[in-house]
Amino acid sequence: FLLTLLGGVLAHAAANVYNDYYDYKNHVDVRPEHGSG
């Protein structure tokens, strides 16, 4: 359970970070409040 929970949260965190990266590179996030900032 603990490994599943940790692995799942880490995968979710990676998805959040990648989403910020690609939205920034593709000029989707352009204002300071966009994404995580």
PDB file of all heavy atoms in Angstrom:
ATOM      1  N   PHE A   1       0.828  -1.203   0.000  1.00  0.00           N
ATOM      2  CA  PHE A   1       0.000   0.000   0.000  1.00  0.00           C
ATOM      3  C   PHE A   1       0.866   1.257   0.000  1.00  0.00           C
ATOM      4  O   PHE A   1       0.624   2.197  -0.777  1.00  0.00           O
ATOM      5  CB  PHE A   1      -0.923   0.005   1.215  1.00  0.00           C
ATOM      6  CG  PHE A   1      -1.577   1.332   1.479  1.00  0.00           C
ATOM      7  CD1 PHE A   1      -2.588   1.796   0.648  1.00  0.00           C
ATOM      8  CD2 PHE A   1      -1.171   2.125   2.542  1.00  0.00           C
ATOM      9  CE1 PHE A   1      -3.185   3.029   0.882  1.00  0.00           C
ATOM     10  CE2 PHE A   1      -1.760   3.354   2.781  1.00  0.00           C
ATOM     11  CZ  PHE A   1      -2.774   3.802   1.945  1.00  0.00           C
ATOM     12  N   LEU A   2       1.890   1.289   0.860  1.00  0.00           N
ATOM     13  CA  LEU A   2       2.735   2.482   0.966  1.00  0.00           C
ATOM     14  C   LEU A   2       3.505   2.735  -0.329  1.00  0.00           C
ATOM     15  O   LEU A   2       3.627   3.886  -0.770  1.00  0.00           O
ATOM     16  CB  LEU A   2       3.705   2.335   2.136  1.00  0.00           C
ATOM     17  CG  LEU A   2       3.068   2.330   3.533  1.00  0.00           C
ATOM     18  CD1 LEU A   2       4.124   2.086   4.609  1.00  0.00           C
ATOM     19  CD2 LEU A   2       2.325   3.631   3.807  1.00  0.00           C
ATOM     20  N   LEU A   3       4.022   1.675  -0.948  1.00  0.00           N
ATOM     21  CA  LEU A   3       4.731   1.831  -2.220  1.00  0.00           C
ATOM     22  C   LEU A   3       3.791   2.297  -3.329  1.00  0.00           C
ATOM     23  O   LEU A   3       4.155   3.122  -4.166  1.00  0.00           O
ATOM     24  CB  LEU A   3       5.395   0.510  -2.620  1.00  0.00           C
ATOM     25  CG  LEU A   3       6.730   0.196  -1.943  1.00  0.00           C
ATOM     26  CD1 LEU A   3       7.179  -1.220  -2.288  1.00  0.00           C
ATOM     27  CD2 LEU A   3       7.800   1.201  -2.355  1.00  0.00           C
ATOM     28  N   THR A   4       2.570   1.751  -3.328  1.00  0.00           N
ATOM     29  CA  THR A   4       1.579   2.165  -4.318  1.00  0.00           C
ATOM     30  C   THR A   4       1.213   3.628  -4.138  1.00  0.00           C
ATOM     31  O   THR A   4       1.143   4.393  -5.112  1.00  0.00           O
ATOM     32  CB  THR A   4       0.314   1.301  -4.197  1.00  0.00           C
ATOM     33  OG1 THR A   4       0.653  -0.074  -4.358  1.00  0.00           O
ATOM     34  CG2 THR A   4      -0.715   1.675  -5.262  1.00  0.00           C
ATOM     35  N   LEU A   5       0.994   4.025  -2.897  1.00  0.00           N
ATOM     36  CA  LEU A   5       0.628   5.410  -2.608  1.00  0.00           C
ATOM     37  C   LEU A   5       1.763   6.360  -2.988  1.00  0.00           C
ATOM     38  O   LEU A   5       1.533   7.384  -3.662  1.00  0.00           O
ATOM     39  CB  LEU A   5       0.293   5.556  -1.128  1.00  0.00           C
ATOM     40  CG  LEU A   5      -0.235   6.918  -0.677  1.00  0.00           C
ATOM     41  CD1 LEU A   5      -1.554   7.238  -1.355  1.00  0.00           C
ATOM     42  CD2 LEU A   5      -0.409   6.945   0.842  1.00  0.00           C
ATOM     43  N   LEU A   6       2.974   6.024  -2.605  1.00  0.00           N
ATOM     44  CA  LEU A   6       4.121   6.875  -2.926  1.00  0.00           C
ATOM     45  C   LEU A   6       4.339   6.942  -4.434  1.00  0.00           C
ATOM     46  O   LEU A   6       4.538   8.029  -5.001  1.00  0.00           O
ATOM     47  CB  LEU A   6       5.377   6.348  -2.231  1.00  0.00           C
ATOM     48  CG  LEU A   6       6.675   7.117  -2.506  1.00  0.00           C
ATOM     49  CD1 LEU A   6       6.557   8.566  -2.058  1.00  0.00           C
ATOM     50  CD2 LEU A   6       7.857   6.438  -1.822  1.00  0.00           C
ATOM     51  N   GLY A   7       4.288   5.792  -5.088  1.00  0.00           N
ATOM     52  CA  GLY A   7       4.492   5.762  -6.539  1.00  0.00           C
ATOM     53  C   GLY A   7       3.417   6.527  -7.280  1.00  0.00           C
ATOM     54  O   GLY A   7       3.703   7.248  -8.251  1.00  0.00           O
ATOM     55  N   GLY A   8       2.179   6.409  -6.817  1.00  0.00           N
ATOM     56  CA  GLY A   8       1.082   7.119  -7.460  1.00  0.00           C
ATOM     57  C   GLY A   8       1.197   8.621  -7.315  1.00  0.00           C
ATOM     58  O   GLY A   8       1.002   9.378  -8.275  1.00  0.00           O
ATOM     59  N   VAL A   9       1.546   9.074  -6.115  1.00  0.00           N
ATOM     60  CA  VAL A   9       1.692  10.522  -5.885  1.00  0.00           C
ATOM     61  C   VAL A   9       2.882  11.077  -6.672  1.00  0.00           C
ATOM     62  O   VAL A   9       2.807  12.183  -7.236  1.00  0.00           O
ATOM     63  CB  VAL A   9       1.844  10.804  -4.378  1.00  0.00           C
ATOM     64  CG1 VAL A   9       2.238  12.256  -4.138  1.00  0.00           C
ATOM     65  CG2 VAL A   9       0.541  10.494  -3.649  1.00  0.00           C
ATOM     66  N   LEU A  10       3.971  10.312  -6.742  1.00  0.00           N
ATOM     67  CA  LEU A  10       5.125  10.760  -7.521  1.00  0.00           C
ATOM     68  C   LEU A  10       4.792  10.853  -9.012  1.00  0.00           C
ATOM     69  O   LEU A  10       5.215  11.783  -9.700  1.00  0.00           O
ATOM     70  CB  LEU A  10       6.302   9.802  -7.308  1.00  0.00           C
ATOM     71  CG  LEU A  10       7.013   9.908  -5.954  1.00  0.00           C
ATOM     72  CD1 LEU A  10       7.972   8.741  -5.762  1.00  0.00           C
ATOM     73  CD2 LEU A  10       7.755  11.234  -5.839  1.00  0.00           C
ATOM     74  N   ALA A  11       4.015   9.886  -9.507  1.00  0.00           N
ATOM     75  CA  ALA A  11       3.598   9.927 -10.917  1.00  0.00           C
ATOM     76  C   ALA A  11       2.711  11.133 -11.176  1.00  0.00           C
ATOM     77  O   ALA A  11       2.825  11.807 -12.212  1.00  0.00           O
ATOM     78  CB  ALA A  11       2.865   8.637 -11.280  1.00  0.00           C
ATOM     79  N   HIS A  12       1.825  11.428 -10.229  1.00  0.00           N
ATOM     80  CA  HIS A  12       0.947  12.590 -10.338  1.00  0.00           C
ATOM     81  C   HIS A  12       1.771  13.876 -10.332  1.00  0.00           C
ATOM     82  O   HIS A  12       1.548  14.791 -11.145  1.00  0.00           O
ATOM     83  CB  HIS A  12      -0.040  12.574  -9.174  1.00  0.00           C
ATOM     84  CG  HIS A  12      -1.070  13.651  -9.223  1.00  0.00           C
ATOM     85  ND1 HIS A  12      -2.054  13.778  -8.274  1.00  0.00           N
ATOM     86  CD2 HIS A  12      -1.281  14.671 -10.101  1.00  0.00           C
ATOM     87  CE1 HIS A  12      -2.811  14.827  -8.566  1.00  0.00           C
ATOM     88  NE2 HIS A  12      -2.358  15.377  -9.665  1.00  0.00           N
ATOM     89  N   ALA A  13       2.750  13.939  -9.437  1.00  0.00           N
ATOM     90  CA  ALA A  13       3.613  15.115  -9.364  1.00  0.00           C
ATOM     91  C   ALA A  13       4.387  15.310 -10.666  1.00  0.00           C
ATOM     92  O   ALA A  13       4.522  16.437 -11.163  1.00  0.00           O
ATOM     93  CB  ALA A  13       4.585  14.968  -8.190  1.00  0.00           C
ATOM     94  N   ALA A  14       4.884  14.206 -11.230  1.00  0.00           N
ATOM     95  CA  ALA A  14       5.602  14.292 -12.505  1.00  0.00           C
ATOM     96  C   ALA A  14       4.693  14.826 -13.603  1.00  0.00           C
ATOM     97  O   ALA A  14       5.109  15.663 -14.418  1.00  0.00           O
ATOM     98  CB  ALA A  14       6.144  12.913 -12.894  1.00  0.00           C
ATOM     99  N   ALA A  15       3.442  14.356 -13.619  1.00  0.00           N
ATOM    100  CA  ALA A  15       2.487  14.832 -14.623  1.00  0.00           C
ATOM    101  C   ALA A  15       2.244  16.331 -14.474  1.00  0.00           C
ATOM    102  O   ALA A  15       2.155  17.067 -15.470  1.00  0.00           O
ATOM    103  CB  ALA A  15       1.176  14.062 -14.499  1.00  0.00           C
ATOM    104  N   ASN A  16       2.133  16.806 -13.220  1.00  0.00           N
ATOM    105  CA  ASN A  16       1.946  18.241 -12.983  1.00  0.00           C
ATOM    106  C   ASN A  16       3.128  19.050 -13.514  1.00  0.00           C
ATOM    107  O   ASN A  16       2.962  20.100 -14.150  1.00  0.00           O
ATOM    108  CB  ASN A  16       1.790  18.505 -11.484  1.00  0.00           C
ATOM    109  CG  ASN A  16       0.434  18.107 -10.945  1.00  0.00           C
ATOM    110  OD1 ASN A  16      -0.493  17.844 -11.701  1.00  0.00           O
ATOM    111  ND2 ASN A  16       0.315  18.039  -9.634  1.00  0.00           N
ATOM    112  N   VAL A  17       4.330  18.573 -13.247  1.00  0.00           N
ATOM    113  CA  VAL A  17       5.538  19.296 -13.658  1.00  0.00           C
ATOM    114  C   VAL A  17       5.682  19.289 -15.172  1.00  0.00           C
ATOM    115  O   VAL A  17       5.980  20.320 -15.797  1.00  0.00           O
ATOM    116  CB  VAL A  17       6.778  18.687 -12.976  1.00  0.00           C
ATOM    117  CG1 VAL A  17       8.060  19.272 -13.549  1.00  0.00           C
ATOM    118  CG2 VAL A  17       6.721  18.927 -11.466  1.00  0.00           C
ATOM    119  N   TYR A  18       5.467  18.129 -15.795  1.00  0.00           N
ATOM    120  CA  TYR A  18       5.530  18.051 -17.255  1.00  0.00           C
ATOM    121  C   TYR A  18       4.471  18.953 -17.894  1.00  0.00           C
ATOM    122  O   TYR A  18       4.707  19.583 -18.929  1.00  0.00           O
ATOM    123  CB  TYR A  18       5.326  16.614 -17.730  1.00  0.00           C
ATOM    124  CG  TYR A  18       6.538  15.728 -17.609  1.00  0.00           C
ATOM    125  CD1 TYR A  18       6.422  14.422 -17.145  1.00  0.00           C
ATOM    126  CD2 TYR A  18       7.806  16.178 -17.970  1.00  0.00           C
ATOM    127  CE1 TYR A  18       7.533  13.597 -17.042  1.00  0.00           C
ATOM    128  CE2 TYR A  18       8.920  15.360 -17.869  1.00  0.00           C
ATOM    129  CZ  TYR A  18       8.782  14.064 -17.405  1.00  0.00           C
ATOM    130  OH  TYR A  18       9.876  13.250 -17.309  1.00  0.00           O
ATOM    131  N   ASN A  19       3.304  19.005 -17.281  1.00  0.00           N
ATOM    132  CA  ASN A  19       2.240  19.844 -17.814  1.00  0.00           C
ATOM    133  C   ASN A  19       2.658  21.313 -17.796  1.00  0.00           C
ATOM    134  O   ASN A  19       2.433  22.050 -18.770  1.00  0.00           O
ATOM    135  CB  ASN A  19       0.962  19.649 -17.003  1.00  0.00           C
ATOM    136  CG  ASN A  19      -0.210  20.404 -17.587  1.00  0.00           C
ATOM    137  OD1 ASN A  19      -0.553  20.248 -18.748  1.00  0.00           O
ATOM    138  ND2 ASN A  19      -0.826  21.248 -16.776  1.00  0.00           N
ATOM    139  N   ASP A  20       3.265  21.748 -16.696  1.00  0.00           N
ATOM    140  CA  ASP A  20       3.792  23.114 -16.620  1.00  0.00           C
ATOM    141  C   ASP A  20       4.819  23.359 -17.722  1.00  0.00           C
ATOM    142  O   ASP A  20       4.804  24.407 -18.389  1.00  0.00           O
ATOM    143  CB  ASP A  20       4.452  23.340 -15.256  1.00  0.00           C
ATOM    144  CG  ASP A  20       3.550  24.103 -14.295  1.00  0.00           C
ATOM    145  OD1 ASP A  20       2.340  24.163 -14.554  1.00  0.00           O
ATOM    146  OD2 ASP A  20       4.056  24.617 -13.283  1.00  0.00           O
ATOM    147  N   TYR A  21       5.717  22.408 -17.894  1.00  0.00           N
ATOM    148  CA  TYR A  21       6.801  22.560 -18.866  1.00  0.00           C
ATOM    149  C   TYR A  21       6.257  22.717 -20.281  1.00  0.00           C
ATOM    150  O   TYR A  21       6.620  23.660 -21.002  1.00  0.00           O
ATOM    151  CB  TYR A  21       7.730  21.348 -18.795  1.00  0.00           C
ATOM    152  CG  TYR A  21       8.761  21.299 -19.901  1.00  0.00           C
ATOM    153  CD1 TYR A  21       9.929  22.040 -19.832  1.00  0.00           C
ATOM    154  CD2 TYR A  21       8.556  20.498 -21.034  1.00  0.00           C
ATOM    155  CE1 TYR A  21      10.870  22.012 -20.856  1.00  0.00           C
ATOM    156  CE2 TYR A  21       9.482  20.454 -22.053  1.00  0.00           C
ATOM    157  CZ  TYR A  21      10.635  21.211 -21.961  1.00  0.00           C
ATOM    158  OH  TYR A  21      11.556  21.170 -22.977  1.00  0.00           O
ATOM    159  N   TYR A  22       5.370  21.811 -20.695  1.00  0.00           N
ATOM    160  CA  TYR A  22       4.880  21.849 -22.076  1.00  0.00           C
ATOM    161  C   TYR A  22       3.928  23.016 -22.313  1.00  0.00           C
ATOM    162  O   TYR A  22       3.920  23.609 -23.406  1.00  0.00           O
ATOM    163  CB  TYR A  22       4.212  20.517 -22.438  1.00  0.00           C
ATOM    164  CG  TYR A  22       5.230  19.439 -22.728  1.00  0.00           C
ATOM    165  CD1 TYR A  22       5.494  18.435 -21.800  1.00  0.00           C
ATOM    166  CD2 TYR A  22       5.966  19.445 -23.911  1.00  0.00           C
ATOM    167  CE1 TYR A  22       6.444  17.462 -22.047  1.00  0.00           C
ATOM    168  CE2 TYR A  22       6.918  18.463 -24.168  1.00  0.00           C
ATOM    169  CZ  TYR A  22       7.155  17.482 -23.237  1.00  0.00           C
ATOM    170  OH  TYR A  22       8.109  16.525 -23.489  1.00  0.00           O
ATOM    171  N   ASP A  23       3.138  23.392 -21.306  1.00  0.00           N
ATOM    172  CA  ASP A  23       2.270  24.558 -21.462  1.00  0.00           C
ATOM    173  C   ASP A  23       3.095  25.837 -21.600  1.00  0.00           C
ATOM    174  O   ASP A  23       2.727  26.759 -22.334  1.00  0.00           O
ATOM    175  CB  ASP A  23       1.310  24.679 -20.276  1.00  0.00           C
ATOM    176  CG  ASP A  23       0.102  23.762 -20.412  1.00  0.00           C
ATOM    177  OD1 ASP A  23      -0.008  23.084 -21.456  1.00  0.00           O
ATOM    178  OD2 ASP A  23      -0.721  23.718 -19.492  1.00  0.00           O
ATOM    179  N   TYR A  24       4.206  25.885 -20.902  1.00  0.00           N
ATOM    180  CA  TYR A  24       5.089  27.052 -20.999  1.00  0.00           C
ATOM    181  C   TYR A  24       5.795  27.078 -22.356  1.00  0.00           C
ATOM    182  O   TYR A  24       5.840  28.112 -23.028  1.00  0.00           O
ATOM    183  CB  TYR A  24       6.104  27.016 -19.866  1.00  0.00           C
ATOM    184  CG  TYR A  24       7.081  28.166 -19.869  1.00  0.00           C
ATOM    185  CD1 TYR A  24       6.693  29.443 -19.473  1.00  0.00           C
ATOM    186  CD2 TYR A  24       8.413  27.969 -20.257  1.00  0.00           C
ATOM    187  CE1 TYR A  24       7.592  30.502 -19.470  1.00  0.00           C
ATOM    188  CE2 TYR A  24       9.315  29.019 -20.258  1.00  0.00           C
ATOM    189  CZ  TYR A  24       8.901  30.282 -19.861  1.00  0.00           C
ATOM    190  OH  TYR A  24       9.803  31.330 -19.865  1.00  0.00           O
ATOM    191  N   LYS A  25       6.326  25.933 -22.776  1.00  0.00           N
ATOM    192  CA  LYS A  25       7.039  25.860 -24.051  1.00  0.00           C
ATOM    193  C   LYS A  25       6.120  26.122 -25.238  1.00  0.00           C
ATOM    194  O   LYS A  25       6.536  26.685 -26.262  1.00  0.00           O
ATOM    195  CB  LYS A  25       7.699  24.480 -24.208  1.00  0.00           C
ATOM    196  CG  LYS A  25       8.799  24.199 -23.215  1.00  0.00           C
ATOM    197  CD  LYS A  25      10.043  25.035 -23.463  1.00  0.00           C
ATOM    198  CE  LYS A  25      10.826  24.543 -24.657  1.00  0.00           C
ATOM    199  NZ  LYS A  25      12.105  25.271 -24.830  1.00  0.00           N
ATOM    200  N   ASN A  26       4.848  25.722 -25.111  1.00  0.00           N
ATOM    201  CA  ASN A  26       3.876  25.902 -26.203  1.00  0.00           C
ATOM    202  C   ASN A  26       3.113  27.212 -26.102  1.00  0.00           C
ATOM    203  O   ASN A  26       2.127  27.416 -26.808  1.00  0.00           O
ATOM    204  CB  ASN A  26       2.897  24.729 -26.231  1.00  0.00           C
ATOM    205  CG  ASN A  26       3.591  23.415 -26.589  1.00  0.00           C
ATOM    206  OD1 ASN A  26       4.526  23.392 -27.372  1.00  0.00           O
ATOM    207  ND2 ASN A  26       3.114  22.314 -26.013  1.00  0.00           N
ATOM    208  N   HIS A  27       3.539  28.079 -25.174  1.00  0.00           N
ATOM    209  CA  HIS A  27       2.940  29.411 -25.004  1.00  0.00           C
ATOM    210  C   HIS A  27       1.464  29.352 -24.615  1.00  0.00           C
ATOM    211  O   HIS A  27       0.683  30.235 -24.965  1.00  0.00           O
ATOM    212  CB  HIS A  27       3.120  30.232 -26.281  1.00  0.00           C
ATOM    213  CG  HIS A  27       4.536  30.307 -26.763  1.00  0.00           C
ATOM    214  ND1 HIS A  27       5.517  30.989 -26.080  1.00  0.00           N
ATOM    215  CD2 HIS A  27       5.141  29.760 -27.865  1.00  0.00           C
ATOM    216  CE1 HIS A  27       6.661  30.876 -26.722  1.00  0.00           C
ATOM    217  NE2 HIS A  27       6.473  30.130 -27.808  1.00  0.00           N
ATOM    218  N   VAL A  28       1.115  28.274 -23.891  1.00  0.00           N
ATOM    219  CA  VAL A  28      -0.234  28.195 -23.317  1.00  0.00           C
ATOM    220  C   VAL A  28      -0.257  28.978 -22.001  1.00  0.00           C
ATOM    221  O   VAL A  28      -1.190  29.733 -21.734  1.00  0.00           O
ATOM    222  CB  VAL A  28      -0.640  26.729 -23.087  1.00  0.00           C
ATOM    223  CG1 VAL A  28      -2.018  26.658 -22.417  1.00  0.00           C
ATOM    224  CG2 VAL A  28      -0.649  25.960 -24.407  1.00  0.00           C
ATOM    225  N   ASP A  29       0.754  28.795 -21.182  1.00  0.00           N
ATOM    226  CA  ASP A  29       0.896  29.552 -19.936  1.00  0.00           C
ATOM    227  C   ASP A  29       1.785  30.759 -20.197  1.00  0.00           C
ATOM    228  O   ASP A  29       2.991  30.616 -20.471  1.00  0.00           O
ATOM    229  CB  ASP A  29       1.530  28.681 -18.845  1.00  0.00           C
ATOM    230  CG  ASP A  29       0.587  27.602 -18.339  1.00  0.00           C
ATOM    231  OD1 ASP A  29      -0.608  27.652 -18.682  1.00  0.00           O
ATOM    232  OD2 ASP A  29       1.052  26.711 -17.612  1.00  0.00           O
ATOM    233  N   VAL A  30       1.211  31.938 -20.118  1.00  0.00           N
ATOM    234  CA  VAL A  30       1.973  33.149 -20.426  1.00  0.00           C
ATOM    235  C   VAL A  30       1.931  34.185 -19.299  1.00  0.00           C
ATOM    236  O   VAL A  30       2.797  35.059 -19.226  1.00  0.00           O
ATOM    237  CB  VAL A  30       1.463  33.801 -21.737  1.00  0.00           C
ATOM    238  CG1 VAL A  30       1.771  32.913 -22.922  1.00  0.00           C
ATOM    239  CG2 VAL A  30      -0.044  34.089 -21.661  1.00  0.00           C
ATOM    240  N   ARG A  31       0.920  34.092 -18.427  1.00  0.00           N
ATOM    241  CA  ARG A  31       0.806  35.066 -17.349  1.00  0.00           C
ATOM    242  C   ARG A  31       1.374  34.483 -16.049  1.00  0.00           C
ATOM    243  O   ARG A  31       1.408  33.263 -15.872  1.00  0.00           O
ATOM    244  CB  ARG A  31      -0.656  35.481 -17.167  1.00  0.00           C
ATOM    245  CG  ARG A  31      -1.217  36.239 -18.370  1.00  0.00           C
ATOM    246  CD  ARG A  31      -2.399  37.107 -17.955  1.00  0.00           C
ATOM    247  NE  ARG A  31      -3.526  36.309 -17.491  1.00  0.00           N
ATOM    248  CZ  ARG A  31      -4.502  35.864 -18.272  1.00  0.00           C
ATOM    249  NH1 ARG A  31      -4.486  36.128 -19.574  1.00  0.00           N
ATOM    250  NH2 ARG A  31      -5.497  35.169 -17.783  1.00  0.00           N
ATOM    251  N   PRO A  32       1.789  35.337 -15.120  1.00  0.00           N
ATOM    252  CA  PRO A  32       2.431  34.845 -13.886  1.00  0.00           C
ATOM    253  C   PRO A  32       1.591  33.841 -13.103  1.00  0.00           C
ATOM    254  O   PRO A  32       2.131  32.951 -12.460  1.00  0.00           O
ATOM    255  CB  PRO A  32       2.656  36.128 -13.080  1.00  0.00           C
ATOM    256  CG  PRO A  32       2.760  37.203 -14.108  1.00  0.00           C
ATOM    257  CD  PRO A  32       1.818  36.809 -15.213  1.00  0.00           C
ATOM    258  N   GLU A  33       0.256  33.996 -13.157  1.00  0.00           N
ATOM    259  CA  GLU A  33      -0.605  33.112 -12.371  1.00  0.00           C
ATOM    260  C   GLU A  33      -0.901  31.793 -13.069  1.00  0.00           C
ATOM    261  O   GLU A  33      -1.537  30.902 -12.491  1.00  0.00           O
ATOM    262  CB  GLU A  33      -1.928  33.812 -12.028  1.00  0.00           C
ATOM    263  CG  GLU A  33      -2.843  34.080 -13.217  1.00  0.00           C
ATOM    264  CD  GLU A  33      -2.568  35.392 -13.930  1.00  0.00           C
ATOM    265  OE1 GLU A  33      -1.481  35.962 -13.714  1.00  0.00           O
ATOM    266  OE2 GLU A  33      -3.438  35.845 -14.686  1.00  0.00           O
ATOM    267  N   HIS A  34      -0.461  31.619 -14.300  1.00  0.00           N
ATOM    268  CA  HIS A  34      -0.740  30.388 -15.038  1.00  0.00           C
ATOM    269  C   HIS A  34       0.074  29.211 -14.494  1.00  0.00           C
ATOM    270  O   HIS A  34       1.227  29.372 -14.088  1.00  0.00           O
ATOM    271  CB  HIS A  34      -0.427  30.565 -16.527  1.00  0.00           C
ATOM    272  CG  HIS A  34      -1.482  31.305 -17.267  1.00  0.00           C
ATOM    273  ND1 HIS A  34      -1.337  31.753 -18.555  1.00  0.00           N
ATOM    274  CD2 HIS A  34      -2.751  31.673 -16.901  1.00  0.00           C
ATOM    275  CE1 HIS A  34      -2.444  32.361 -18.958  1.00  0.00           C
ATOM    276  NE2 HIS A  34      -3.301  32.324 -17.963  1.00  0.00           N
ATOM    277  N   GLY A  35      -0.538  28.034 -14.539  1.00  0.00           N
ATOM    278  CA  GLY A  35       0.134  26.838 -14.053  1.00  0.00           C
ATOM    279  C   GLY A  35       0.485  26.966 -12.582  1.00  0.00           C
ATOM    280  O   GLY A  35      -0.268  27.530 -11.789  1.00  0.00           O
ATOM    281  N   SER A  36       1.641  26.445 -12.224  1.00  0.00           N
ATOM    282  CA  SER A  36       2.096  26.587 -10.840  1.00  0.00           C
ATOM    283  C   SER A  36       2.727  27.951 -10.605  1.00  0.00           C
ATOM    284  O   SER A  36       2.963  28.338  -9.457  1.00  0.00           O
ATOM    285  CB  SER A  36       3.123  25.492 -10.517  1.00  0.00           C
ATOM    286  OG  SER A  36       4.320  25.701 -11.255  1.00  0.00           O
ATOM    287  N   GLY A  37       3.035  28.673 -11.697  1.00  0.00           N
ATOM    288  CA  GLY A  37       3.692  29.970 -11.590  1.00  0.00           C
ATOM    289  C   GLY A  37       5.201  29.887 -11.548  1.00  0.00           C
ATOM    290  O   GLY A  37       5.889  30.911 -11.628  1.00  0.00           O
TER     291      GLY A  37
END
